Structure formats: C-alpha cells, structure tokens
Amino acid sequence: MEPPPINPKKVNDMYANVYKYVPKEFQGDALYAPPSKAQIVEAIGRKKARADARAKAKEAKSG
C-alpha cells in the first residue's frame, strides 16, 4: 500500500512557517524539507484557483 501523495501547499507552509522554529537536529527531517519548484508552482496554482473561485462566487452572490 502506497502512502497518500504529499500536499504541496502543506509542504510549502511547513517550510515557510515552521522550519525556522525547528531545532537544528531535526531540520534535516523530510517533514521540514524545502519544497521543490514543482510543489511551489502547484501550491501557487491551487491558491490562485481558490481565490478565483471565491471571487466568482462573491460576484454571483452580489448580483
């Protein structure tokens, strides 16, 4: 059984927001690894898609 795929947004968030607080001896752990370029691009794409969907829903709601 394969593990579930890694969520690119979570990888990006963990590195950006948590990594600086992780003790030096644990910074090499895969959990805190810097995201790859592909993961960054995918996370940004998902964020933009959500923002576009929210804007579209807000526009539809207001008339």
PDB file of N, CA and C in Angstrom:
ATOM      1  N   MET A   1       0.846  -1.175   0.000  1.00  0.00           N
ATOM      2  CA  MET A   1       0.000   0.000   0.000  1.00  0.00           C
ATOM      3  C   MET A   1       0.895   1.243   0.000  1.00  0.00           C
ATOM      4  N   GLU A   2       0.614   2.150  -0.896  1.00  0.00           N
ATOM      5  CA  GLU A   2       1.415   3.361  -1.002  1.00  0.00           C
ATOM      6  C   GLU A   2       0.878   4.444  -0.072  1.00  0.00           C
ATOM      7  N   PRO A   3       1.758   5.287   0.441  1.00  0.00           N
ATOM      8  CA  PRO A   3       1.281   6.407   1.256  1.00  0.00           C
ATOM      9  C   PRO A   3       0.566   7.421   0.365  1.00  0.00           C
ATOM     10  N   PRO A   4      -0.305   8.233   0.940  1.00  0.00           N
ATOM     11  CA  PRO A   4      -1.005   9.233   0.135  1.00  0.00           C
ATOM     12  C   PRO A   4      -0.014  10.263  -0.414  1.00  0.00           C
ATOM     13  N   PRO A   5      -0.363  10.914  -1.512  1.00  0.00           N
ATOM     14  CA  PRO A   5       0.547  11.916  -2.073  1.00  0.00           C
ATOM     15  C   PRO A   5       0.709  13.102  -1.124  1.00  0.00           C
ATOM     16  N   ILE A   6       1.842  13.744  -1.233  1.00  0.00           N
ATOM     17  CA  ILE A   6       2.137  14.891  -0.377  1.00  0.00           C
ATOM     18  C   ILE A   6       1.396  16.112  -0.900  1.00  0.00           C
ATOM     19  N   ASN A   7       0.750  16.833  -0.012  1.00  0.00           N
ATOM     20  CA  ASN A   7       0.037  18.049  -0.369  1.00  0.00           C
ATOM     21  C   ASN A   7       1.059  19.177  -0.544  1.00  0.00           C
ATOM     22  N   PRO A   8       1.219  19.714  -1.756  1.00  0.00           N
ATOM     23  CA  PRO A   8       2.234  20.748  -1.996  1.00  0.00           C
ATOM     24  C   PRO A   8       2.042  21.995  -1.141  1.00  0.00           C
ATOM     25  N   LYS A   9       0.792  22.354  -0.863  1.00  0.00           N
ATOM     26  CA  LYS A   9       0.543  23.539  -0.041  1.00  0.00           C
ATOM     27  C   LYS A   9       1.073  23.327   1.374  1.00  0.00           C
ATOM     28  N   LYS A  10       0.853  22.145   1.906  1.00  0.00           N
ATOM     29  CA  LYS A  10       1.332  21.856   3.261  1.00  0.00           C
ATOM     30  C   LYS A  10       2.852  21.849   3.325  1.00  0.00           C
ATOM     31  N   VAL A  11       3.508  21.299   2.293  1.00  0.00           N
ATOM     32  CA  VAL A  11       4.971  21.293   2.254  1.00  0.00           C
ATOM     33  C   VAL A  11       5.486  22.723   2.252  1.00  0.00           C
ATOM     34  N   ASN A  12       4.883  23.546   1.412  1.00  0.00           N
ATOM     35  CA  ASN A  12       5.279  24.945   1.311  1.00  0.00           C
ATOM     36  C   ASN A  12       5.046  25.673   2.635  1.00  0.00           C
ATOM     37  N   ASP A  13       3.879  25.469   3.244  1.00  0.00           N
ATOM     38  CA  ASP A  13       3.557  26.123   4.515  1.00  0.00           C
ATOM     39  C   ASP A  13       4.476  25.664   5.645  1.00  0.00           C
ATOM     40  N   MET A  14       4.753  24.362   5.706  1.00  0.00           N
ATOM     41  CA  MET A  14       5.640  23.852   6.763  1.00  0.00           C
ATOM     42  C   MET A  14       7.014  24.490   6.663  1.00  0.00           C
ATOM     43  N   TYR A  15       7.529  24.575   5.453  1.00  0.00           N
ATOM     44  CA  TYR A  15       8.864  25.147   5.282  1.00  0.00           C
ATOM     45  C   TYR A  15       8.851  26.650   5.571  1.00  0.00           C
ATOM     46  N   ALA A  16       7.842  27.357   5.071  1.00  0.00           N
ATOM     47  CA  ALA A  16       7.792  28.813   5.214  1.00  0.00           C
ATOM     48  C   ALA A  16       7.492  29.258   6.647  1.00  0.00           C
ATOM     49  N   ASN A  17       6.627  28.519   7.352  1.00  0.00           N
ATOM     50  CA  ASN A  17       6.154  28.984   8.655  1.00  0.00           C
ATOM     51  C   ASN A  17       6.718  28.251   9.859  1.00  0.00           C
ATOM     52  N   VAL A  18       7.152  27.020   9.698  1.00  0.00           N
ATOM     53  CA  VAL A  18       7.549  26.203  10.842  1.00  0.00           C
ATOM     54  C   VAL A  18       9.050  25.957  10.894  1.00  0.00           C
ATOM     55  N   TYR A  19       9.687  25.844   9.742  1.00  0.00           N
ATOM     56  CA  TYR A  19      11.099  25.454   9.660  1.00  0.00           C
ATOM     57  C   TYR A  19      11.995  26.300  10.556  1.00  0.00           C
ATOM     58  N   LYS A  20      11.748  27.593  10.618  1.00  0.00           N
ATOM     59  CA  LYS A  20      12.621  28.478  11.402  1.00  0.00           C
ATOM     60  C   LYS A  20      12.552  28.202  12.908  1.00  0.00           C
ATOM     61  N   TYR A  21      11.521  27.507  13.365  1.00  0.00           N
ATOM     62  CA  TYR A  21      11.371  27.200  14.787  1.00  0.00           C
ATOM     63  C   TYR A  21      11.815  25.779  15.144  1.00  0.00           C
ATOM     64  N   VAL A  22      12.157  24.987  14.149  1.00  0.00           N
ATOM     65  CA  VAL A  22      12.558  23.595  14.364  1.00  0.00           C
ATOM     66  C   VAL A  22      14.001  23.565  14.863  1.00  0.00           C
ATOM     67  N   PRO A  23      14.284  22.810  15.935  1.00  0.00           N
ATOM     68  CA  PRO A  23      15.664  22.704  16.420  1.00  0.00           C
ATOM     69  C   PRO A  23      16.593  22.172  15.328  1.00  0.00           C
ATOM     70  N   LYS A  24      17.839  22.591  15.369  1.00  0.00           N
ATOM     71  CA  LYS A  24      18.835  22.237  14.342  1.00  0.00           C
ATOM     72  C   LYS A  24      18.921  20.731  14.108  1.00  0.00           C
ATOM     73  N   GLU A  25      18.834  19.926  15.168  1.00  0.00           N
ATOM     74  CA  GLU A  25      18.993  18.480  14.996  1.00  0.00           C
ATOM     75  C   GLU A  25      17.840  17.842  14.214  1.00  0.00           C
ATOM     76  N   PHE A  26      16.709  18.528  14.083  1.00  0.00           N
ATOM     77  CA  PHE A  26      15.567  17.981  13.353  1.00  0.00           C
ATOM     78  C   PHE A  26      15.346  18.644  12.000  1.00  0.00           C
ATOM     79  N   GLN A  27      16.118  19.651  11.655  1.00  0.00           N
ATOM     80  CA  GLN A  27      15.903  20.371  10.401  1.00  0.00           C
ATOM     81  C   GLN A  27      16.180  19.519   9.170  1.00  0.00           C
ATOM     82  N   GLY A  28      16.922  18.440   9.301  1.00  0.00           N
ATOM     83  CA  GLY A  28      17.182  17.551   8.178  1.00  0.00           C
ATOM     84  C   GLY A  28      16.054  16.565   7.908  1.00  0.00           C
ATOM     85  N   ASP A  29      15.047  16.530   8.776  1.00  0.00           N
ATOM     86  CA  ASP A  29      13.923  15.612   8.626  1.00  0.00           C
ATOM     87  C   ASP A  29      13.135  15.942   7.357  1.00  0.00           C
ATOM     88  N   ALA A  30      12.634  14.925   6.685  1.00  0.00           N
ATOM     89  CA  ALA A  30      11.879  15.113   5.437  1.00  0.00           C
ATOM     90  C   ALA A  30      10.619  15.947   5.645  1.00  0.00           C
ATOM     91  N   LEU A  31      10.078  15.936   6.846  1.00  0.00           N
ATOM     92  CA  LEU A  31       8.876  16.711   7.143  1.00  0.00           C
ATOM     93  C   LEU A  31       9.103  18.204   6.945  1.00  0.00           C
ATOM     94  N   TYR A  32      10.318  18.665   7.180  1.00  0.00           N
ATOM     95  CA  TYR A  32      10.629  20.093   7.096  1.00  0.00           C
ATOM     96  C   TYR A  32      11.464  20.439   5.869  1.00  0.00           C
ATOM     97  N   ALA A  33      11.564  19.534   4.914  1.00  0.00           N
ATOM     98  CA  ALA A  33      12.388  19.752   3.718  1.00  0.00           C
ATOM     99  C   ALA A  33      11.834  20.906   2.887  1.00  0.00           C
ATOM    100  N   PRO A  34      12.718  21.643   2.235  1.00  0.00           N
ATOM    101  CA  PRO A  34      12.239  22.720   1.364  1.00  0.00           C
ATOM    102  C   PRO A  34      11.422  22.139   0.205  1.00  0.00           C
ATOM    103  N   PRO A  35      10.378  22.839  -0.211  1.00  0.00           N
ATOM    104  CA  PRO A  35       9.567  22.338  -1.317  1.00  0.00           C
ATOM    105  C   PRO A  35      10.331  22.412  -2.637  1.00  0.00           C
ATOM    106  N   SER A  36      10.006  21.503  -3.538  1.00  0.00           N
ATOM    107  CA  SER A  36      10.614  21.536  -4.869  1.00  0.00           C
ATOM    108  C   SER A  36       9.942  22.648  -5.681  1.00  0.00           C
ATOM    109  N   LYS A  37      10.556  23.005  -6.789  1.00  0.00           N
ATOM    110  CA  LYS A  37       9.974  24.042  -7.665  1.00  0.00           C
ATOM    111  C   LYS A  37       8.574  23.625  -8.120  1.00  0.00           C
ATOM    112  N   ALA A  38       8.405  22.340  -8.447  1.00  0.00           N
ATOM    113  CA  ALA A  38       7.103  21.849  -8.902  1.00  0.00           C
ATOM    114  C   ALA A  38       6.054  21.985  -7.796  1.00  0.00           C
ATOM    115  N   GLN A  39       6.431  21.699  -6.549  1.00  0.00           N
ATOM    116  CA  GLN A  39       5.494  21.827  -5.433  1.00  0.00           C
ATOM    117  C   GLN A  39       5.116  23.284  -5.205  1.00  0.00           C
ATOM    118  N   ILE A  40       6.069  24.190  -5.346  1.00  0.00           N
ATOM    119  CA  ILE A  40       5.781  25.617  -5.181  1.00  0.00           C
ATOM    120  C   ILE A  40       4.811  26.080  -6.261  1.00  0.00           C
ATOM    121  N   VAL A  41       5.082  25.700  -7.503  1.00  0.00           N
ATOM    122  CA  VAL A  41       4.213  26.093  -8.621  1.00  0.00           C
ATOM    123  C   VAL A  41       2.804  25.542  -8.418  1.00  0.00           C
ATOM    124  N   GLU A  42       2.703  24.280  -7.998  1.00  0.00           N
ATOM    125  CA  GLU A  42       1.386  23.680  -7.779  1.00  0.00           C
ATOM    126  C   GLU A  42       0.650  24.359  -6.626  1.00  0.00           C
ATOM    127  N   ALA A  43       1.349  24.678  -5.547  1.00  0.00           N
ATOM    128  CA  ALA A  43       0.724  25.348  -4.405  1.00  0.00           C
ATOM    129  C   ALA A  43       0.212  26.727  -4.810  1.00  0.00           C
ATOM    130  N   ILE A  44       1.001  27.460  -5.581  1.00  0.00           N
ATOM    131  CA  ILE A  44       0.581  28.785  -6.043  1.00  0.00           C
ATOM    132  C   ILE A  44      -0.631  28.661  -6.966  1.00  0.00           C
ATOM    133  N   GLY A  45      -0.615  27.664  -7.840  1.00  0.00           N
ATOM    134  CA  GLY A  45      -1.745  27.439  -8.743  1.00  0.00           C
ATOM    135  C   GLY A  45      -3.027  27.124  -7.994  1.00  0.00           C
ATOM    136  N   ARG A  46      -2.922  26.275  -6.983  1.00  0.00           N
ATOM    137  CA  ARG A  46      -4.107  25.941  -6.177  1.00  0.00           C
ATOM    138  C   ARG A  46      -4.620  27.165  -5.423  1.00  0.00           C
ATOM    139  N   LYS A  47      -3.703  27.956  -4.894  1.00  0.00           N
ATOM    140  CA  LYS A  47      -4.089  29.164  -4.159  1.00  0.00           C
ATOM    141  C   LYS A  47      -4.820  30.133  -5.087  1.00  0.00           C
ATOM    142  N   LYS A  48      -4.304  30.306  -6.298  1.00  0.00           N
ATOM    143  CA  LYS A  48      -4.936  31.195  -7.275  1.00  0.00           C
ATOM    144  C   LYS A  48      -6.301  30.663  -7.684  1.00  0.00           C
ATOM    145  N   ALA A  49      -6.421  29.364  -7.875  1.00  0.00           N
ATOM    146  CA  ALA A  49      -7.701  28.767  -8.256  1.00  0.00           C
ATOM    147  C   ALA A  49      -8.753  28.991  -7.171  1.00  0.00           C
ATOM    148  N   ARG A  50      -8.352  28.842  -5.907  1.00  0.00           N
ATOM    149  CA  ARG A  50      -9.288  29.087  -4.803  1.00  0.00           C
ATOM    150  C   ARG A  50      -9.704  30.551  -4.755  1.00  0.00           C
ATOM    151  N   ALA A  51      -8.748  31.462  -4.951  1.00  0.00           N
ATOM    152  CA  ALA A  51      -9.052  32.892  -4.938  1.00  0.00           C
ATOM    153  C   ALA A  51     -10.003  33.244  -6.082  1.00  0.00           C
ATOM    154  N   ASP A  52      -9.761  32.682  -7.259  1.00  0.00           N
ATOM    155  CA  ASP A  52     -10.639  32.928  -8.405  1.00  0.00           C
ATOM    156  C   ASP A  52     -12.045  32.395  -8.136  1.00  0.00           C
ATOM    157  N   ALA A  53     -12.143  31.217  -7.536  1.00  0.00           N
ATOM    158  CA  ALA A  53     -13.446  30.626  -7.225  1.00  0.00           C
ATOM    159  C   ALA A  53     -14.194  31.473  -6.200  1.00  0.00           C
ATOM    160  N   ARG A  54     -13.468  31.978  -5.194  1.00  0.00           N
ATOM    161  CA  ARG A  54     -14.112  32.846  -4.200  1.00  0.00           C
ATOM    162  C   ARG A  54     -14.618  34.129  -4.848  1.00  0.00           C
ATOM    163  N   ALA A  55     -13.816  34.729  -5.715  1.00  0.00           N
ATOM    164  CA  ALA A  55     -14.216  35.963  -6.394  1.00  0.00           C
ATOM    165  C   ALA A  55     -15.433  35.721  -7.278  1.00  0.00           C
ATOM    166  N   LYS A  56     -15.447  34.589  -7.978  1.00  0.00           N
ATOM    167  CA  LYS A  56     -16.577  34.254  -8.844  1.00  0.00           C
ATOM    168  C   LYS A  56     -17.841  34.038  -8.014  1.00  0.00           C
ATOM    169  N   ALA A  57     -17.718  33.346  -6.879  1.00  0.00           N
ATOM    170  CA  ALA A  57     -18.871  33.104  -6.007  1.00  0.00           C
ATOM    171  C   ALA A  57     -19.381  34.413  -5.416  1.00  0.00           C
ATOM    172  N   LYS A  58     -18.468  35.283  -5.043  1.00  0.00           N
ATOM    173  CA  LYS A  58     -18.858  36.575  -4.477  1.00  0.00           C
ATOM    174  C   LYS A  58     -19.577  37.414  -5.526  1.00  0.00           C
ATOM    175  N   GLU A  59     -19.071  37.375  -6.752  1.00  0.00           N
ATOM    176  CA  GLU A  59     -19.686  38.116  -7.851  1.00  0.00           C
ATOM    177  C   GLU A  59     -21.088  37.578  -8.141  1.00  0.00           C
ATOM    178  N   ALA A  60     -21.246  36.265  -8.147  1.00  0.00           N
ATOM    179  CA  ALA A  60     -22.546  35.646  -8.409  1.00  0.00           C
ATOM    180  C   ALA A  60     -23.532  35.960  -7.288  1.00  0.00           C
ATOM    181  N   LYS A  61     -23.036  36.017  -6.067  1.00  0.00           N
ATOM    182  CA  LYS A  61     -23.897  36.280  -4.913  1.00  0.00           C
ATOM    183  C   LYS A  61     -24.393  37.723  -4.915  1.00  0.00           C
ATOM    184  N   SER A  62     -23.514  38.658  -5.308  1.00  0.00           N
ATOM    185  CA  SER A  62     -23.877  40.072  -5.244  1.00  0.00           C
ATOM    186  C   SER A  62     -24.718  40.517  -6.439  1.00  0.00           C
ATOM    187  N   GLY A  63     -24.834  39.681  -7.411  1.00  0.00           N
ATOM    188  CA  GLY A  63     -25.756  40.055  -8.447  1.00  0.00           C
ATOM    189  C   GLY A  63     -25.271  39.927  -9.788  1.00  0.00           C
TER     190      GLY A  63
END
